[in-house]
Amino acid sequence: MTIPKTQSINIKIIFALTLVHFTGDFYSSFISPIFPAFVEKLSLSMTQVGIIAGTMRFLAFIVQPSVGYIADRYPSRSFALGGLLLTVLFIPLSGL
């Protein structure tokens, strides 16, 4: 008995999505080690830095499940492309 092959695995798409996910996680994890520089250069207190860190984590906690829910209802290609475009737009703006 043979099982019909209904879907093929596209390695290029999996690699691209993995790379995008890694880049997003790397970027968000890169901020925490430089918090002491925020204290020194921006004259922030540790409390203020803690509020910034907590806000970042809380927003991720809220946004990720919401975006996952929406992603299940739209075509994956357009959703992945839209997410990539938003990332390309907003990561440079975060440095302003």
C-alpha atoms as a PDB file:
ATOM      1  CA  MET A   1       0.000   0.000   0.000  1.00  0.00           C
ATOM      2  CA  THR A   2       1.388   3.367  -0.967  1.00  0.00           C
ATOM      3  CA  ILE A   3       0.393   6.639   0.583  1.00  0.00           C
ATOM      4  CA  PRO A   4      -0.287   9.390  -1.966  1.00  0.00           C
ATOM      5  CA  LYS A   5       1.988  12.364  -1.674  1.00  0.00           C
ATOM      6  CA  THR A   6      -0.384  15.288  -1.226  1.00  0.00           C
ATOM      7  CA  GLN A   7       2.142  17.920  -0.252  1.00  0.00           C
ATOM      8  CA  SER A   8       5.796  18.281  -0.976  1.00  0.00           C
ATOM      9  CA  ILE A   9       8.172  19.965   1.407  1.00  0.00           C
ATOM     10  CA  ASN A  10       9.700  23.101  -0.029  1.00  0.00           C
ATOM     11  CA  ILE A  11      13.094  23.376   1.649  1.00  0.00           C
ATOM     12  CA  LYS A  12      13.671  26.929   0.382  1.00  0.00           C
ATOM     13  CA  ILE A  13      10.504  28.213   2.044  1.00  0.00           C
ATOM     14  CA  ILE A  14      11.279  26.407   5.289  1.00  0.00           C
ATOM     15  CA  PHE A  15      14.812  27.815   5.265  1.00  0.00           C
ATOM     16  CA  ALA A  16      13.576  31.360   4.569  1.00  0.00           C
ATOM     17  CA  LEU A  17      10.973  31.204   7.343  1.00  0.00           C
ATOM     18  CA  THR A  18      13.538  29.756   9.747  1.00  0.00           C
ATOM     19  CA  LEU A  19      15.984  32.530   8.903  1.00  0.00           C
ATOM     20  CA  VAL A  20      13.342  35.219   9.400  1.00  0.00           C
ATOM     21  CA  HIS A  21      12.278  33.712  12.722  1.00  0.00           C
ATOM     22  CA  PHE A  22      15.896  33.438  13.880  1.00  0.00           C
ATOM     23  CA  THR A  23      16.577  37.050  12.902  1.00  0.00           C
ATOM     24  CA  GLY A  24      13.552  38.300  14.824  1.00  0.00           C
ATOM     25  CA  ASP A  25      14.463  36.302  17.926  1.00  0.00           C
ATOM     26  CA  PHE A  26      18.098  37.374  17.678  1.00  0.00           C
ATOM     27  CA  TYR A  27      17.115  41.016  17.420  1.00  0.00           C
ATOM     28  CA  SER A  28      14.777  40.879  20.401  1.00  0.00           C
ATOM     29  CA  SER A  29      17.365  39.000  22.475  1.00  0.00           C
ATOM     30  CA  PHE A  30      20.118  41.424  21.512  1.00  0.00           C
ATOM     31  CA  ILE A  31      18.497  44.318  23.378  1.00  0.00           C
ATOM     32  CA  SER A  32      18.757  42.865  26.909  1.00  0.00           C
ATOM     33  CA  PRO A  33      22.571  42.771  27.158  1.00  0.00           C
ATOM     34  CA  ILE A  34      22.816  46.451  26.253  1.00  0.00           C
ATOM     35  CA  PHE A  35      20.432  47.660  28.967  1.00  0.00           C
ATOM     36  CA  PRO A  36      23.377  48.772  31.159  1.00  0.00           C
ATOM     37  CA  ALA A  37      24.397  51.088  28.316  1.00  0.00           C
ATOM     38  CA  PHE A  38      20.908  52.606  28.452  1.00  0.00           C
ATOM     39  CA  VAL A  39      21.422  53.307  32.142  1.00  0.00           C
ATOM     40  CA  GLU A  40      24.738  55.015  31.491  1.00  0.00           C
ATOM     41  CA  LYS A  41      24.162  56.833  28.204  1.00  0.00           C
ATOM     42  CA  LEU A  42      20.521  57.832  28.616  1.00  0.00           C
ATOM     43  CA  SER A  43      20.650  58.435  32.376  1.00  0.00           C
ATOM     44  CA  LEU A  44      17.900  55.908  33.012  1.00  0.00           C
ATOM     45  CA  SER A  45      17.317  54.215  36.330  1.00  0.00           C
ATOM     46  CA  MET A  46      17.245  50.440  36.632  1.00  0.00           C
ATOM     47  CA  THR A  47      13.514  50.753  37.301  1.00  0.00           C
ATOM     48  CA  GLN A  48      12.994  52.526  33.984  1.00  0.00           C
ATOM     49  CA  VAL A  49      15.054  49.908  32.165  1.00  0.00           C
ATOM     50  CA  GLY A  50      13.013  47.195  33.883  1.00  0.00           C
ATOM     51  CA  ILE A  51       9.800  48.847  32.722  1.00  0.00           C
ATOM     52  CA  ILE A  52      11.149  48.942  29.155  1.00  0.00           C
ATOM     53  CA  ALA A  53      12.118  45.259  29.318  1.00  0.00           C
ATOM     54  CA  GLY A  54       8.811  44.265  30.874  1.00  0.00           C
ATOM     55  CA  THR A  55       6.861  46.208  28.270  1.00  0.00           C
ATOM     56  CA  MET A  56       8.761  44.467  25.471  1.00  0.00           C
ATOM     57  CA  ARG A  57       8.030  41.026  26.906  1.00  0.00           C
ATOM     58  CA  PHE A  58       4.393  41.858  27.631  1.00  0.00           C
ATOM     59  CA  LEU A  59       3.826  43.119  24.089  1.00  0.00           C
ATOM     60  CA  ALA A  60       5.376  39.934  22.698  1.00  0.00           C
ATOM     61  CA  PHE A  61       3.103  37.915  25.003  1.00  0.00           C
ATOM     62  CA  ILE A  62       0.031  39.715  23.643  1.00  0.00           C
ATOM     63  CA  VAL A  63       1.004  40.104  19.987  1.00  0.00           C
ATOM     64  CA  GLN A  64       2.376  36.632  19.199  1.00  0.00           C
ATOM     65  CA  PRO A  65      -0.804  34.630  19.921  1.00  0.00           C
ATOM     66  CA  SER A  66      -2.932  37.287  18.220  1.00  0.00           C
ATOM     67  CA  VAL A  67      -0.794  37.227  15.098  1.00  0.00           C
ATOM     68  CA  GLY A  68      -0.778  33.425  15.168  1.00  0.00           C
ATOM     69  CA  TYR A  69      -4.566  33.388  15.256  1.00  0.00           C
ATOM     70  CA  ILE A  70      -4.754  35.783  12.305  1.00  0.00           C
ATOM     71  CA  ALA A  71      -2.076  33.850  10.405  1.00  0.00           C
ATOM     72  CA  ASP A  72      -4.215  30.731  10.535  1.00  0.00           C
ATOM     73  CA  ARG A  73      -6.955  32.537   8.623  1.00  0.00           C
ATOM     74  CA  TYR A  74      -4.969  34.057   5.730  1.00  0.00           C
ATOM     75  CA  PRO A  75      -2.823  32.494   3.012  1.00  0.00           C
ATOM     76  CA  SER A  76       0.578  31.752   4.488  1.00  0.00           C
ATOM     77  CA  ARG A  77       2.534  33.241   1.598  1.00  0.00           C
ATOM     78  CA  SER A  78       0.932  36.687   1.810  1.00  0.00           C
ATOM     79  CA  PHE A  79       1.064  36.660   5.599  1.00  0.00           C
ATOM     80  CA  ALA A  80       4.765  35.728   5.675  1.00  0.00           C
ATOM     81  CA  LEU A  81       5.564  38.375   3.082  1.00  0.00           C
ATOM     82  CA  GLY A  82       3.613  41.008   5.011  1.00  0.00           C
ATOM     83  CA  GLY A  83       5.409  40.109   8.232  1.00  0.00           C
ATOM     84  CA  LEU A  84       8.760  40.333   6.507  1.00  0.00           C
ATOM     85  CA  LEU A  85       7.916  43.744   5.067  1.00  0.00           C
ATOM     86  CA  LEU A  86       6.785  45.042   8.464  1.00  0.00           C
ATOM     87  CA  THR A  87      10.000  43.760  10.024  1.00  0.00           C
ATOM     88  CA  VAL A  88      12.132  45.408   7.349  1.00  0.00           C
ATOM     89  CA  LEU A  89      10.256  48.664   7.927  1.00  0.00           C
ATOM     90  CA  PHE A  90      10.135  48.798  11.722  1.00  0.00           C
ATOM     91  CA  ILE A  91      13.532  47.442  12.809  1.00  0.00           C
ATOM     92  CA  PRO A  92      15.383  50.417  11.277  1.00  0.00           C
ATOM     93  CA  LEU A  93      12.774  52.797  12.706  1.00  0.00           C
ATOM     94  CA  SER A  94      13.407  51.425  16.192  1.00  0.00           C
ATOM     95  CA  GLY A  95      16.873  52.957  16.067  1.00  0.00           C
ATOM     96  CA  LEU A  96      15.562  56.502  15.677  1.00  0.00           C
END
